[in-house]
N, C-alpha and C. Protein backbone atom coordinates (compact mmCIF):
# COMPACT_ATOMS: atom_id res chain seq x y z
N MET A 1 109.19 104.81 92.43
CA MET A 1 109.31 106.02 91.66
C MET A 1 110.21 105.74 90.45
N LYS A 2 109.72 106.01 89.29
CA LYS A 2 110.49 105.81 88.07
C LYS A 2 110.97 107.15 87.54
N SER A 3 112.19 107.53 87.89
CA SER A 3 112.79 108.75 87.38
C SER A 3 114.24 108.78 87.83
N ALA A 4 114.94 109.84 87.44
CA ALA A 4 116.34 109.99 87.86
C ALA A 4 116.42 110.27 89.35
N VAL A 5 115.36 110.81 89.92
CA VAL A 5 115.30 111.08 91.36
C VAL A 5 114.48 109.99 92.01
N ASP A 6 115.10 109.22 92.90
CA ASP A 6 114.36 108.17 93.58
C ASP A 6 113.85 108.68 94.93
N GLY A 7 113.19 107.82 95.66
CA GLY A 7 112.62 108.20 96.95
C GLY A 7 113.65 108.64 97.97
N ILE A 8 114.83 108.07 97.90
CA ILE A 8 115.89 108.44 98.84
C ILE A 8 116.38 109.85 98.54
N CYS A 9 116.57 110.16 97.28
CA CYS A 9 116.97 111.53 96.89
C CYS A 9 115.88 112.52 97.27
N ALA A 10 114.64 112.14 97.05
CA ALA A 10 113.52 113.02 97.40
C ALA A 10 113.50 113.27 98.91
N ALA A 11 113.72 112.23 99.69
CA ALA A 11 113.74 112.38 101.15
C ALA A 11 114.84 113.34 101.58
N ARG A 12 116.03 113.21 100.99
CA ARG A 12 117.13 114.13 101.31
C ARG A 12 116.74 115.57 101.00
N ALA A 13 116.13 115.78 99.84
CA ALA A 13 115.74 117.14 99.45
C ALA A 13 114.70 117.71 100.41
N ILE A 14 113.73 116.90 100.78
CA ILE A 14 112.70 117.34 101.71
C ILE A 14 113.31 117.68 103.06
N GLN A 15 114.18 116.78 103.56
CA GLN A 15 114.79 116.99 104.86
C GLN A 15 115.70 118.22 104.89
N SER A 16 116.23 118.61 103.75
CA SER A 16 117.09 119.80 103.73
C SER A 16 116.29 121.08 103.89
N HIS A 17 114.97 121.00 103.70
CA HIS A 17 114.12 122.18 103.83
C HIS A 17 113.13 122.11 104.99
N LEU A 18 112.77 120.90 105.38
CA LEU A 18 111.75 120.73 106.42
C LEU A 18 112.17 119.68 107.44
N PRO A 19 112.00 119.96 108.72
CA PRO A 19 112.36 119.00 109.76
C PRO A 19 111.22 118.00 110.01
N ILE A 20 110.99 117.11 109.05
CA ILE A 20 109.89 116.15 109.20
C ILE A 20 110.45 114.73 109.16
N PRO A 21 109.78 113.82 109.85
CA PRO A 21 110.23 112.42 109.83
C PRO A 21 109.92 111.78 108.48
N VAL A 22 110.79 110.87 108.07
CA VAL A 22 110.61 110.14 106.82
C VAL A 22 110.36 108.68 107.13
N ILE A 23 109.36 108.13 106.49
CA ILE A 23 109.06 106.71 106.58
C ILE A 23 109.10 106.16 105.16
N TYR A 24 109.91 105.16 104.95
CA TYR A 24 110.02 104.57 103.62
C TYR A 24 109.02 103.42 103.47
N LEU A 25 108.31 103.44 102.37
CA LEU A 25 107.42 102.35 101.98
C LEU A 25 108.06 101.76 100.74
N THR A 26 108.59 100.55 100.86
CA THR A 26 109.45 100.04 99.81
C THR A 26 109.31 98.54 99.58
N ALA A 27 109.70 98.14 98.40
CA ALA A 27 109.79 96.72 98.07
C ALA A 27 111.24 96.27 98.07
N TYR A 28 112.15 97.22 98.27
CA TYR A 28 113.59 96.92 98.20
C TYR A 28 114.20 96.81 99.58
N GLY A 29 114.92 95.73 99.81
CA GLY A 29 115.56 95.53 101.09
C GLY A 29 117.01 95.10 100.95
N ASP A 30 117.59 95.37 99.77
CA ASP A 30 118.97 94.96 99.56
C ASP A 30 119.91 95.87 100.35
N GLU A 31 121.11 95.38 100.59
CA GLU A 31 122.07 96.07 101.45
C GLU A 31 122.44 97.45 100.91
N LYS A 32 122.64 97.58 99.61
CA LYS A 32 123.02 98.86 99.01
C LYS A 32 121.92 99.91 99.24
N THR A 33 120.69 99.51 99.01
CA THR A 33 119.57 100.44 99.21
C THR A 33 119.43 100.82 100.67
N LEU A 34 119.50 99.84 101.56
CA LEU A 34 119.35 100.13 102.99
C LEU A 34 120.47 101.02 103.51
N ASN A 35 121.68 100.88 102.98
CA ASN A 35 122.77 101.77 103.38
C ASN A 35 122.48 103.20 102.96
N ARG A 36 121.94 103.39 101.76
CA ARG A 36 121.56 104.73 101.31
C ARG A 36 120.44 105.30 102.17
N VAL A 37 119.46 104.47 102.47
CA VAL A 37 118.32 104.89 103.29
C VAL A 37 118.80 105.30 104.68
N ASP A 38 119.68 104.52 105.27
CA ASP A 38 120.17 104.83 106.63
C ASP A 38 120.84 106.19 106.71
N GLN A 39 121.43 106.66 105.63
CA GLN A 39 122.08 107.96 105.63
C GLN A 39 121.08 109.10 105.82
N THR A 40 119.80 108.85 105.54
CA THR A 40 118.78 109.89 105.71
C THR A 40 118.15 109.86 107.09
N LYS A 41 118.59 108.94 107.92
CA LYS A 41 118.08 108.80 109.29
C LYS A 41 116.54 108.73 109.31
N PRO A 42 115.98 107.70 108.67
CA PRO A 42 114.52 107.61 108.60
C PRO A 42 113.89 107.27 109.93
N PHE A 43 112.63 107.62 110.07
CA PHE A 43 111.88 107.23 111.25
C PHE A 43 111.58 105.74 111.20
N GLY A 44 111.41 105.22 109.98
CA GLY A 44 111.15 103.80 109.86
C GLY A 44 111.00 103.34 108.42
N TYR A 45 110.77 102.04 108.30
CA TYR A 45 110.59 101.39 107.01
C TYR A 45 109.32 100.56 107.08
N ILE A 46 108.65 100.46 105.98
CA ILE A 46 107.55 99.52 105.84
C ILE A 46 107.79 98.80 104.52
N TYR A 47 107.82 97.49 104.57
CA TYR A 47 108.05 96.70 103.36
C TYR A 47 106.74 96.29 102.72
N LYS A 48 106.71 96.34 101.40
CA LYS A 48 105.55 95.87 100.63
C LYS A 48 105.60 94.36 100.58
N PRO A 49 104.49 93.71 100.59
CA PRO A 49 103.15 94.25 100.79
C PRO A 49 102.98 94.68 102.26
N PHE A 50 102.06 95.58 102.49
CA PHE A 50 101.89 96.12 103.83
C PHE A 50 100.41 96.23 104.17
N GLU A 51 100.16 96.38 105.44
CA GLU A 51 98.79 96.59 105.93
C GLU A 51 98.60 98.09 106.14
N GLU A 52 97.47 98.60 105.73
CA GLU A 52 97.19 100.02 105.88
C GLU A 52 97.30 100.46 107.34
N SER A 53 96.88 99.60 108.25
CA SER A 53 96.96 99.95 109.67
C SER A 53 98.40 100.14 110.13
N GLU A 54 99.32 99.38 109.56
CA GLU A 54 100.74 99.53 109.90
C GLU A 54 101.25 100.90 109.45
N LEU A 55 100.85 101.31 108.25
CA LEU A 55 101.25 102.62 107.74
C LEU A 55 100.71 103.73 108.63
N TRP A 56 99.43 103.67 108.97
CA TRP A 56 98.83 104.71 109.83
C TRP A 56 99.51 104.76 111.19
N PHE A 57 99.82 103.59 111.76
CA PHE A 57 100.50 103.55 113.05
C PHE A 57 101.85 104.24 112.98
N LYS A 58 102.64 103.93 111.93
CA LYS A 58 103.96 104.55 111.79
C LYS A 58 103.85 106.06 111.62
N ILE A 59 102.87 106.51 110.83
CA ILE A 59 102.70 107.95 110.61
C ILE A 59 102.32 108.64 111.92
N GLU A 60 101.36 108.09 112.63
CA GLU A 60 100.93 108.69 113.89
C GLU A 60 102.08 108.73 114.90
N THR A 61 102.84 107.66 114.97
CA THR A 61 103.96 107.60 115.91
C THR A 61 105.03 108.63 115.52
N ALA A 62 105.33 108.73 114.24
CA ALA A 62 106.34 109.68 113.78
C ALA A 62 105.93 111.11 114.09
N LEU A 63 104.68 111.43 113.88
CA LEU A 63 104.22 112.79 114.11
C LEU A 63 104.10 113.15 115.58
N SER A 64 103.97 112.16 116.43
CA SER A 64 103.86 112.44 117.87
C SER A 64 105.22 112.60 118.55
N ASN A 65 106.30 112.29 117.83
CA ASN A 65 107.65 112.42 118.42
C ASN A 65 108.22 113.78 118.20
């Protein structure tokens, strides 16, 4: 996402209004980013490049919990 609001900020905003699981699809795995991500208590992470089946599995698992 290219803007002043990144995916982590967006996840926080969504979670403040809706009790839904968040799964991050990202190319970033640096310590600073992961520390910010962990504060949102995500259901999981998927690193790019990724397999579509992995994404579907994570979504189905998150929604069934």
